[in-house]
Amino acid sequence: MNEVQGKLAVSAPAKVNLHLTVLDKRPDGFHNLESVFLAVNLADTLYFEPIEPENSIEIDMQGINSPIPTEKNIIFKAVSLFRQKTGFSQGLKITVEKRIPLGGGLGGGSSDAASTLLALNKLAGSPCGKDTLLEMASSLGSDVPFFIHEITAAIVTGRGEHIQPIETPPMHLVLVNPGFPSDTAAAFRLLDDYREREKDYANDFLSIFPEKEKSVYNEIISRLKELGAANANLSGAGSTCFGVFEDGGQAQKAAEAMHDSWEFSAFCSTKQ
């Protein structure tokens, strides 16, 4: 976090699911997961600016094609929850430079929400400890708690609330988004339907998507491997695919090559 012309600027990093196994469905309707989250240096930037009157909020989402209604924006939900918990009443204008694809399996909305909680806590004089922030984060979404920890990598279990930080070597990645979003809740419903219909305990998403989507994902993954990725897969429930490269130069060339076919093709590295 830093001050930029009177505004508090916060970086909200994306994450990649290097590994994901979907386990049993829980009584609360969520699923238990086993995943490895890796934060990368592709990030949204959020600017927090005080405005009048008290308790007002303006959210300006830059870099997206379709506006998000304020009441449905997870940033708005994070602000409302923080105000409810703490009584913080400062009016705010929040400007978001959006770089992480919406519905892309990279945790962009979750990271924005976590960054909002962290920023508000700073602006309010740190009334909340980490446990309180994590409690709020968990109520906003399964991926949000990971970003509260501000770590590089973790083994994530439960519905996302159990986070064990791990050390990872520096990694170079290419992220490729096919140009359409993936609805996480709908993907989990597909998984449940597949398990019930096929009596097969599929534990990830790539195998259960309709053929049209699956063929696009497989095409991207295959191409990343051809370009030298040591590992390539779908991040989370999609829609972004990733390739992990041992050499940064090779990864940059691969990102350029993928950009010929896919508009969003980004080179990134492990967040430090």
C-alpha atoms as a PDB file:
ATOM      1  CA  MET A   1       0.000   0.000   0.000  1.00  0.00           C
ATOM      2  CA  ASN A   2       1.215   3.504  -0.760  1.00  0.00           C
ATOM      3  CA  GLU A   3      -0.034   7.062  -1.064  1.00  0.00           C
ATOM      4  CA  VAL A   4      -0.493   8.404  -4.606  1.00  0.00           C
ATOM      5  CA  GLN A   5      -1.616  12.057  -4.825  1.00  0.00           C
ATOM      6  CA  GLY A   6      -3.702  11.811  -1.678  1.00  0.00           C
ATOM      7  CA  LYS A   7      -5.124   8.403  -2.581  1.00  0.00           C
ATOM      8  CA  LEU A   8      -4.282   5.078  -0.982  1.00  0.00           C
ATOM      9  CA  ALA A   9      -3.095   2.738  -3.759  1.00  0.00           C
ATOM     10  CA  VAL A  10      -3.348  -1.007  -3.220  1.00  0.00           C
ATOM     11  CA  SER A  11      -2.196  -3.861  -5.461  1.00  0.00           C
ATOM     12  CA  ALA A  12      -4.535  -6.862  -5.683  1.00  0.00           C
ATOM     13  CA  PRO A  13      -2.621  -9.832  -7.150  1.00  0.00           C
ATOM     14  CA  ALA A  14      -4.067 -12.688  -9.156  1.00  0.00           C
ATOM     15  CA  LYS A  15      -3.612 -16.290  -8.085  1.00  0.00           C
ATOM     16  CA  VAL A  16      -3.221 -19.505 -10.046  1.00  0.00           C
ATOM     17  CA  ASN A  17      -4.387 -22.913  -8.860  1.00  0.00           C
ATOM     18  CA  LEU A  18      -1.268 -24.963  -9.550  1.00  0.00           C
ATOM     19  CA  HIS A  19      -3.181 -27.982  -8.277  1.00  0.00           C
ATOM     20  CA  LEU A  20      -6.869 -28.490  -7.502  1.00  0.00           C
ATOM     21  CA  THR A  21      -8.787 -31.497  -6.221  1.00  0.00           C
ATOM     22  CA  VAL A  22     -12.490 -31.112  -5.467  1.00  0.00           C
ATOM     23  CA  LEU A  23     -13.510 -33.452  -2.651  1.00  0.00           C
ATOM     24  CA  ASP A  24     -16.865 -34.098  -1.002  1.00  0.00           C
ATOM     25  CA  LYS A  25     -19.796 -31.722  -0.804  1.00  0.00           C
ATOM     26  CA  ARG A  26     -20.226 -30.229   2.648  1.00  0.00           C
ATOM     27  CA  PRO A  27     -23.463 -29.802   4.649  1.00  0.00           C
ATOM     28  CA  ASP A  28     -23.222 -26.039   4.018  1.00  0.00           C
ATOM     29  CA  GLY A  29     -23.426 -26.626   0.251  1.00  0.00           C
ATOM     30  CA  PHE A  30     -19.773 -25.868  -0.444  1.00  0.00           C
ATOM     31  CA  HIS A  31     -17.132 -28.444  -1.365  1.00  0.00           C
ATOM     32  CA  ASN A  32     -13.985 -29.430   0.460  1.00  0.00           C
ATOM     33  CA  LEU A  33     -10.932 -28.690  -1.641  1.00  0.00           C
ATOM     34  CA  GLU A  34      -7.260 -29.457  -1.780  1.00  0.00           C
ATOM     35  CA  SER A  35      -5.412 -26.843  -3.783  1.00  0.00           C
ATOM     36  CA  VAL A  36      -2.101 -25.077  -4.192  1.00  0.00           C
ATOM     37  CA  PHE A  37      -2.518 -21.324  -4.639  1.00  0.00           C
ATOM     38  CA  LEU A  38       0.252 -19.251  -6.175  1.00  0.00           C
ATOM     39  CA  ALA A  39       0.051 -15.445  -6.156  1.00  0.00           C
ATOM     40  CA  VAL A  40       1.506 -13.794  -9.250  1.00  0.00           C
ATOM     41  CA  ASN A  41       2.480 -10.270 -10.219  1.00  0.00           C
ATOM     42  CA  LEU A  42      -0.454  -9.767 -12.570  1.00  0.00           C
ATOM     43  CA  ALA A  43      -2.600  -7.467 -10.424  1.00  0.00           C
ATOM     44  CA  ASP A  44      -5.478  -5.035 -10.277  1.00  0.00           C
ATOM     45  CA  THR A  45      -4.766  -1.666  -8.665  1.00  0.00           C
ATOM     46  CA  LEU A  46      -7.317  -0.084  -6.319  1.00  0.00           C
ATOM     47  CA  TYR A  47      -7.254   3.597  -5.347  1.00  0.00           C
ATOM     48  CA  PHE A  48      -9.119   4.735  -2.218  1.00  0.00           C
ATOM     49  CA  GLU A  49     -10.029   8.416  -2.021  1.00  0.00           C
ATOM     50  CA  PRO A  50     -12.026  10.081   0.797  1.00  0.00           C
ATOM     51  CA  ILE A  51     -15.219  11.860  -0.312  1.00  0.00           C
ATOM     52  CA  GLU A  52     -18.312  13.378   1.260  1.00  0.00           C
ATOM     53  CA  PRO A  53     -20.853  12.607   2.622  1.00  0.00           C
ATOM     54  CA  GLU A  54     -20.228   9.970   5.274  1.00  0.00           C
ATOM     55  CA  ASN A  55     -21.041   6.363   4.376  1.00  0.00           C
ATOM     56  CA  SER A  56     -21.178   7.181   0.667  1.00  0.00           C
ATOM     57  CA  ILE A  57     -19.385   4.977  -1.838  1.00  0.00           C
ATOM     58  CA  GLU A  58     -18.512   5.373  -5.508  1.00  0.00           C
ATOM     59  CA  ILE A  59     -16.852   2.523  -7.412  1.00  0.00           C
ATOM     60  CA  ASP A  60     -15.269   3.201 -10.800  1.00  0.00           C
ATOM     61  CA  MET A  61     -14.289  -0.036 -12.556  1.00  0.00           C
ATOM     62  CA  GLN A  62     -11.845   0.716 -15.363  1.00  0.00           C
ATOM     63  CA  GLY A  63     -10.786  -1.843 -17.962  1.00  0.00           C
ATOM     64  CA  ILE A  64     -13.961  -3.927 -18.153  1.00  0.00           C
ATOM     65  CA  ASN A  65     -16.519  -3.979 -20.940  1.00  0.00           C
ATOM     66  CA  SER A  66     -19.691  -4.622 -18.943  1.00  0.00           C
ATOM     67  CA  PRO A  67     -20.384  -2.509 -15.848  1.00  0.00           C
ATOM     68  CA  ILE A  68     -21.059  -4.341 -12.587  1.00  0.00           C
ATOM     69  CA  PRO A  69     -24.065  -3.027 -10.602  1.00  0.00           C
ATOM     70  CA  THR A  70     -22.657  -1.457  -7.436  1.00  0.00           C
ATOM     71  CA  GLU A  71     -24.724  -3.612  -5.073  1.00  0.00           C
ATOM     72  CA  LYS A  72     -23.422  -6.786  -6.746  1.00  0.00           C
ATOM     73  CA  ASN A  73     -19.782  -5.686  -6.732  1.00  0.00           C
ATOM     74  CA  ILE A  74     -17.764  -7.672  -4.190  1.00  0.00           C
ATOM     75  CA  ILE A  75     -15.836  -4.490  -3.361  1.00  0.00           C
ATOM     76  CA  PHE A  76     -19.107  -2.848  -2.314  1.00  0.00           C
ATOM     77  CA  LYS A  77     -19.937  -5.924  -0.219  1.00  0.00           C
ATOM     78  CA  ALA A  78     -16.517  -5.751   1.462  1.00  0.00           C
ATOM     79  CA  VAL A  79     -16.961  -2.061   2.290  1.00  0.00           C
ATOM     80  CA  SER A  80     -20.465  -2.645   3.655  1.00  0.00           C
ATOM     81  CA  LEU A  81     -19.285  -5.538   5.818  1.00  0.00           C
ATOM     82  CA  PHE A  82     -16.323  -3.593   7.191  1.00  0.00           C
ATOM     83  CA  ARG A  83     -18.558  -0.633   8.038  1.00  0.00           C
ATOM     84  CA  GLN A  84     -21.033  -2.941   9.756  1.00  0.00           C
ATOM     85  CA  LYS A  85     -18.285  -4.538  11.841  1.00  0.00           C
ATOM     86  CA  THR A  86     -16.375  -1.391  12.759  1.00  0.00           C
ATOM     87  CA  GLY A  87     -18.609   1.643  12.353  1.00  0.00           C
ATOM     88  CA  PHE A  88     -16.126   3.174   9.887  1.00  0.00           C
ATOM     89  CA  SER A  89     -18.118   5.872   8.124  1.00  0.00           C
ATOM     90  CA  GLN A  90     -15.696   7.721   5.828  1.00  0.00           C
ATOM     91  CA  GLY A  91     -17.191   8.263   2.376  1.00  0.00           C
ATOM     92  CA  LEU A  92     -15.064   6.652  -0.316  1.00  0.00           C
ATOM     93  CA  LYS A  93     -14.430   6.743  -4.019  1.00  0.00           C
ATOM     94  CA  ILE A  94     -12.730   3.514  -5.112  1.00  0.00           C
ATOM     95  CA  THR A  95     -11.182   3.443  -8.564  1.00  0.00           C
ATOM     96  CA  VAL A  96     -10.175   0.012  -9.869  1.00  0.00           C
ATOM     97  CA  GLU A  97      -7.715  -0.489 -12.697  1.00  0.00           C
ATOM     98  CA  LYS A  98      -8.878  -3.953 -13.710  1.00  0.00           C
ATOM     99  CA  ARG A  99      -6.260  -6.198 -15.315  1.00  0.00           C
ATOM    100  CA  ILE A 100      -7.326  -9.637 -14.072  1.00  0.00           C
ATOM    101  CA  PRO A 101     -10.018 -11.165 -16.342  1.00  0.00           C
ATOM    102  CA  LEU A 102     -13.488 -11.422 -14.836  1.00  0.00           C
ATOM    103  CA  GLY A 103     -14.627 -15.011 -14.301  1.00  0.00           C
ATOM    104  CA  GLY A 104     -11.156 -16.188 -15.202  1.00  0.00           C
ATOM    105  CA  GLY A 105     -10.318 -18.521 -12.311  1.00  0.00           C
ATOM    106  CA  LEU A 106      -7.575 -16.157 -11.142  1.00  0.00           C
ATOM    107  CA  GLY A 107      -9.294 -14.856  -8.018  1.00  0.00           C
ATOM    108  CA  GLY A 108      -9.515 -11.281  -9.250  1.00  0.00           C
ATOM    109  CA  GLY A 109     -12.729 -10.417  -7.427  1.00  0.00           C
ATOM    110  CA  SER A 110     -11.586 -12.204  -4.282  1.00  0.00           C
ATOM    111  CA  SER A 111      -8.273 -10.367  -4.336  1.00  0.00           C
ATOM    112  CA  ASP A 112     -10.063  -7.028  -4.820  1.00  0.00           C
ATOM    113  CA  ALA A 113     -12.264  -7.825  -1.810  1.00  0.00           C
ATOM    114  CA  ALA A 114      -9.314  -8.793   0.396  1.00  0.00           C
ATOM    115  CA  SER A 115      -7.350  -5.715  -0.667  1.00  0.00           C
ATOM    116  CA  THR A 116     -10.378  -3.584   0.165  1.00  0.00           C
ATOM    117  CA  LEU A 117     -10.593  -5.027   3.688  1.00  0.00           C
ATOM    118  CA  LEU A 118      -6.861  -4.480   4.235  1.00  0.00           C
ATOM    119  CA  ALA A 119      -7.033  -0.920   2.897  1.00  0.00           C
ATOM    120  CA  LEU A 120     -10.064   0.025   4.988  1.00  0.00           C
ATOM    121  CA  ASN A 121      -8.437  -1.405   8.075  1.00  0.00           C
ATOM    122  CA  LYS A 122      -5.449   0.864   7.474  1.00  0.00           C
ATOM    123  CA  LEU A 123      -7.623   3.899   6.767  1.00  0.00           C
ATOM    124  CA  ALA A 124      -9.653   3.236   9.936  1.00  0.00           C
ATOM    125  CA  GLY A 125      -6.579   2.983  12.165  1.00  0.00           C
ATOM    126  CA  SER A 126      -6.331  -0.830  12.268  1.00  0.00           C
ATOM    127  CA  PRO A 127      -9.378  -1.671  14.434  1.00  0.00           C
ATOM    128  CA  CYS A 128      -9.401  -5.285  13.196  1.00  0.00           C
ATOM    129  CA  GLY A 129      -6.822  -7.976  13.848  1.00  0.00           C
ATOM    130  CA  LYS A 130      -6.044 -10.653  11.275  1.00  0.00           C
ATOM    131  CA  ASP A 131      -8.538 -13.131  12.745  1.00  0.00           C
ATOM    132  CA  THR A 132     -11.381 -10.632  12.333  1.00  0.00           C
ATOM    133  CA  LEU A 133     -10.283  -9.800   8.791  1.00  0.00           C
ATOM    134  CA  LEU A 134     -10.155 -13.504   7.949  1.00  0.00           C
ATOM    135  CA  GLU A 135     -13.633 -14.014   9.361  1.00  0.00           C
ATOM    136  CA  MET A 136     -14.984 -11.225   7.168  1.00  0.00           C
ATOM    137  CA  ALA A 137     -13.016 -12.527   4.186  1.00  0.00           C
ATOM    138  CA  SER A 138     -14.445 -16.022   4.564  1.00  0.00           C
ATOM    139  CA  SER A 139     -17.994 -14.659   4.529  1.00  0.00           C
ATOM    140  CA  LEU A 140     -17.274 -12.851   1.242  1.00  0.00           C
ATOM    141  CA  GLY A 141     -15.922 -15.847  -0.672  1.00  0.00           C
ATOM    142  CA  SER A 142     -13.874 -19.034  -0.449  1.00  0.00           C
ATOM    143  CA  ASP A 143     -10.762 -17.573  -2.097  1.00  0.00           C
ATOM    144  CA  VAL A 144     -10.726 -14.278  -0.171  1.00  0.00           C
ATOM    145  CA  PRO A 145      -8.903 -15.482   2.996  1.00  0.00           C
ATOM    146  CA  PHE A 146      -5.795 -16.481   1.017  1.00  0.00           C
ATOM    147  CA  PHE A 147      -5.267 -12.889  -0.088  1.00  0.00           C
ATOM    148  CA  ILE A 148      -5.618 -11.533   3.463  1.00  0.00           C
ATOM    149  CA  HIS A 149      -2.424 -13.394   4.376  1.00  0.00           C
ATOM    150  CA  GLU A 150      -0.455 -11.499   1.676  1.00  0.00           C
ATOM    151  CA  ILE A 151       1.733 -14.542   0.995  1.00  0.00           C
ATOM    152  CA  THR A 152       3.122 -16.027  -2.201  1.00  0.00           C
ATOM    153  CA  ALA A 153       1.931 -19.631  -2.023  1.00  0.00           C
ATOM    154  CA  ALA A 154      -0.102 -21.938   0.176  1.00  0.00           C
ATOM    155  CA  ILE A 155      -1.775 -25.297   0.436  1.00  0.00           C
ATOM    156  CA  VAL A 156      -5.455 -24.442   0.762  1.00  0.00           C
ATOM    157  CA  THR A 157      -8.001 -26.890   2.187  1.00  0.00           C
ATOM    158  CA  GLY A 158     -11.537 -26.933   3.584  1.00  0.00           C
ATOM    159  CA  ARG A 159     -13.683 -24.592   1.511  1.00  0.00           C
ATOM    160  CA  GLY A 160     -10.680 -22.254   1.371  1.00  0.00           C
ATOM    161  CA  GLU A 161     -10.370 -21.215   4.999  1.00  0.00           C
ATOM    162  CA  HIS A 162      -7.455 -23.490   5.962  1.00  0.00           C
ATOM    163  CA  ILE A 163      -4.259 -21.955   4.604  1.00  0.00           C
ATOM    164  CA  GLN A 164      -0.779 -23.395   5.082  1.00  0.00           C
ATOM    165  CA  PRO A 165       1.917 -21.120   3.638  1.00  0.00           C
ATOM    166  CA  ILE A 166       4.618 -22.897   1.652  1.00  0.00           C
ATOM    167  CA  GLU A 167       7.908 -21.906   0.064  1.00  0.00           C
ATOM    168  CA  THR A 168       8.132 -22.058  -3.704  1.00  0.00           C
ATOM    169  CA  PRO A 169      10.969 -21.307  -6.106  1.00  0.00           C
ATOM    170  CA  PRO A 170      10.521 -18.341  -8.455  1.00  0.00           C
ATOM    171  CA  MET A 171       8.240 -19.358 -11.328  1.00  0.00           C
ATOM    172  CA  HIS A 172       7.486 -17.903 -14.740  1.00  0.00           C
ATOM    173  CA  LEU A 173       3.990 -18.338 -16.110  1.00  0.00           C
ATOM    174  CA  VAL A 174       1.951 -17.628 -19.187  1.00  0.00           C
ATOM    175  CA  LEU A 175      -1.742 -16.985 -18.586  1.00  0.00           C
ATOM    176  CA  VAL A 176      -4.158 -17.364 -21.497  1.00  0.00           C
ATOM    177  CA  ASN A 177      -7.824 -16.464 -21.273  1.00  0.00           C
ATOM    178  CA  PRO A 178     -10.080 -17.760 -24.075  1.00  0.00           C
ATOM    179  CA  GLY A 179     -12.254 -14.651 -24.124  1.00  0.00           C
ATOM    180  CA  PHE A 180     -15.224 -16.020 -22.206  1.00  0.00           C
ATOM    181  CA  PRO A 181     -15.809 -16.269 -18.443  1.00  0.00           C
ATOM    182  CA  SER A 182     -16.517 -19.324 -16.337  1.00  0.00           C
ATOM    183  CA  ASP A 183     -19.162 -19.168 -13.614  1.00  0.00           C
ATOM    184  CA  THR A 184     -17.701 -20.912 -10.566  1.00  0.00           C
ATOM    185  CA  ALA A 185     -21.047 -21.846  -8.999  1.00  0.00           C
ATOM    186  CA  ALA A 186     -22.279 -23.242 -12.323  1.00  0.00           C
ATOM    187  CA  ALA A 187     -19.045 -25.239 -12.700  1.00  0.00           C
ATOM    188  CA  PHE A 188     -19.554 -26.854  -9.300  1.00  0.00           C
ATOM    189  CA  ARG A 189     -23.129 -27.741 -10.254  1.00  0.00           C
ATOM    190  CA  LEU A 190     -21.804 -29.359 -13.429  1.00  0.00           C
ATOM    191  CA  LEU A 191     -19.334 -31.343 -11.348  1.00  0.00           C
ATOM    192  CA  ASP A 192     -22.050 -32.541  -8.964  1.00  0.00           C
ATOM    193  CA  ASP A 193     -24.327 -33.498 -11.884  1.00  0.00           C
ATOM    194  CA  TYR A 194     -21.480 -35.370 -13.573  1.00  0.00           C
ATOM    195  CA  ARG A 195     -20.662 -37.336 -10.428  1.00  0.00           C
ATOM    196  CA  GLU A 196     -24.305 -38.270  -9.934  1.00  0.00           C
ATOM    197  CA  ARG A 197     -24.955 -39.148 -13.579  1.00  0.00           C
ATOM    198  CA  GLU A 198     -21.757 -40.990 -14.385  1.00  0.00           C
ATOM    199  CA  LYS A 199     -21.148 -42.416 -10.923  1.00  0.00           C
ATOM    200  CA  ASP A 200     -17.631 -41.216 -11.486  1.00  0.00           C
ATOM    201  CA  TYR A 201     -15.774 -39.177  -8.883  1.00  0.00           C
ATOM    202  CA  ALA A 202     -14.268 -36.581 -11.204  1.00  0.00           C
ATOM    203  CA  ASN A 203     -12.167 -34.336  -8.998  1.00  0.00           C
ATOM    204  CA  ASP A 204     -11.440 -31.391 -11.261  1.00  0.00           C
ATOM    205  CA  PHE A 205     -13.267 -29.321 -13.848  1.00  0.00           C
ATOM    206  CA  LEU A 206     -11.526 -29.866 -17.158  1.00  0.00           C
ATOM    207  CA  SER A 207     -13.139 -33.266 -17.719  1.00  0.00           C
ATOM    208  CA  ILE A 208     -16.728 -32.178 -17.038  1.00  0.00           C
ATOM    209  CA  PHE A 209     -17.189 -29.044 -19.146  1.00  0.00           C
ATOM    210  CA  PRO A 210     -19.282 -29.221 -22.345  1.00  0.00           C
ATOM    211  CA  GLU A 211     -17.264 -30.251 -25.381  1.00  0.00           C
ATOM    212  CA  LYS A 212     -17.212 -26.747 -26.882  1.00  0.00           C
ATOM    213  CA  GLU A 213     -15.474 -25.260 -23.839  1.00  0.00           C
ATOM    214  CA  LYS A 214     -13.347 -28.325 -23.185  1.00  0.00           C
ATOM    215  CA  SER A 215     -11.937 -28.312 -26.706  1.00  0.00           C
ATOM    216  CA  VAL A 216     -10.874 -24.656 -26.343  1.00  0.00           C
ATOM    217  CA  TYR A 217      -9.169 -25.342 -23.025  1.00  0.00           C
ATOM    218  CA  ASN A 218      -7.398 -28.414 -24.377  1.00  0.00           C
ATOM    219  CA  GLU A 219      -6.228 -26.475 -27.430  1.00  0.00           C
ATOM    220  CA  ILE A 220      -4.678 -23.765 -25.245  1.00  0.00           C
ATOM    221  CA  ILE A 221      -3.089 -26.265 -22.871  1.00  0.00           C
ATOM    222  CA  SER A 222      -1.640 -28.314 -25.712  1.00  0.00           C
ATOM    223  CA  ARG A 223      -0.197 -25.207 -27.354  1.00  0.00           C
ATOM    224  CA  LEU A 224       1.418 -24.070 -24.099  1.00  0.00           C
ATOM    225  CA  LYS A 225       3.091 -27.456 -23.757  1.00  0.00           C
ATOM    226  CA  GLU A 226       4.296 -27.279 -27.364  1.00  0.00           C
ATOM    227  CA  LEU A 227       5.870 -23.914 -26.545  1.00  0.00           C
ATOM    228  CA  GLY A 228       7.824 -25.446 -23.681  1.00  0.00           C
ATOM    229  CA  ALA A 229       5.608 -25.320 -20.595  1.00  0.00           C
ATOM    230  CA  ALA A 230       6.724 -27.891 -18.028  1.00  0.00           C
ATOM    231  CA  ASN A 231       3.169 -27.928 -16.680  1.00  0.00           C
ATOM    232  CA  ALA A 232      -0.046 -26.538 -18.158  1.00  0.00           C
ATOM    233  CA  ASN A 233      -3.611 -26.729 -16.934  1.00  0.00           C
ATOM    234  CA  LEU A 234      -6.832 -24.897 -16.211  1.00  0.00           C
ATOM    235  CA  SER A 235      -6.754 -22.553 -13.201  1.00  0.00           C
ATOM    236  CA  GLY A 236      -9.561 -23.352 -10.783  1.00  0.00           C
ATOM    237  CA  ALA A 237     -12.923 -23.622 -12.507  1.00  0.00           C
ATOM    238  CA  GLY A 238     -11.626 -21.659 -15.508  1.00  0.00           C
ATOM    239  CA  SER A 239     -11.649 -19.910 -17.745  1.00  0.00           C
ATOM    240  CA  THR A 240      -7.936 -19.001 -17.730  1.00  0.00           C
ATOM    241  CA  CYS A 241      -5.312 -21.615 -18.585  1.00  0.00           C
ATOM    242  CA  PHE A 242      -1.733 -21.390 -17.393  1.00  0.00           C
ATOM    243  CA  GLY A 243       1.659 -22.741 -18.373  1.00  0.00           C
ATOM    244  CA  VAL A 244       4.649 -22.899 -16.029  1.00  0.00           C
ATOM    245  CA  PHE A 245       8.044 -22.341 -17.645  1.00  0.00           C
ATOM    246  CA  GLU A 246      11.501 -22.858 -16.214  1.00  0.00           C
ATOM    247  CA  ASP A 247      12.977 -19.963 -18.184  1.00  0.00           C
ATOM    248  CA  GLY A 248      11.558 -16.439 -18.131  1.00  0.00           C
ATOM    249  CA  GLY A 249      12.712 -15.627 -21.647  1.00  0.00           C
ATOM    250  CA  GLN A 250      11.050 -18.736 -23.007  1.00  0.00           C
ATOM    251  CA  ALA A 251       7.848 -17.810 -21.158  1.00  0.00           C
ATOM    252  CA  GLN A 252       7.856 -14.306 -22.636  1.00  0.00           C
ATOM    253  CA  LYS A 253       8.259 -15.695 -26.148  1.00  0.00           C
ATOM    254  CA  ALA A 254       5.446 -18.168 -25.493  1.00  0.00           C
ATOM    255  CA  ALA A 255       3.145 -15.369 -24.314  1.00  0.00           C
ATOM    256  CA  GLU A 256       3.864 -13.444 -27.522  1.00  0.00           C
ATOM    257  CA  ALA A 257       3.185 -16.529 -29.628  1.00  0.00           C
ATOM    258  CA  MET A 258      -0.101 -17.235 -27.831  1.00  0.00           C
ATOM    259  CA  HIS A 259      -1.200 -13.638 -28.327  1.00  0.00           C
ATOM    260  CA  ASP A 260      -1.458 -14.317 -32.060  1.00  0.00           C
ATOM    261  CA  SER A 261      -4.523 -16.482 -31.321  1.00  0.00           C
ATOM    262  CA  TRP A 262      -5.739 -15.285 -27.944  1.00  0.00           C
ATOM    263  CA  GLU A 263      -6.194 -11.620 -27.080  1.00  0.00           C
ATOM    264  CA  PHE A 264      -5.414 -12.098 -23.397  1.00  0.00           C
ATOM    265  CA  SER A 265      -2.025 -13.781 -23.176  1.00  0.00           C
ATOM    266  CA  ALA A 266       0.094 -12.523 -20.302  1.00  0.00           C
ATOM    267  CA  PHE A 267       3.587 -13.296 -19.045  1.00  0.00           C
ATOM    268  CA  CYS A 268       3.891 -13.103 -15.274  1.00  0.00           C
ATOM    269  CA  SER A 269       6.044 -14.349 -12.423  1.00  0.00           C
ATOM    270  CA  THR A 270       5.672 -15.343  -8.806  1.00  0.00           C
ATOM    271  CA  LYS A 271       4.620 -12.434  -6.598  1.00  0.00           C
ATOM    272  CA  GLN A 272       7.498 -11.449  -4.328  1.00  0.00           C
END
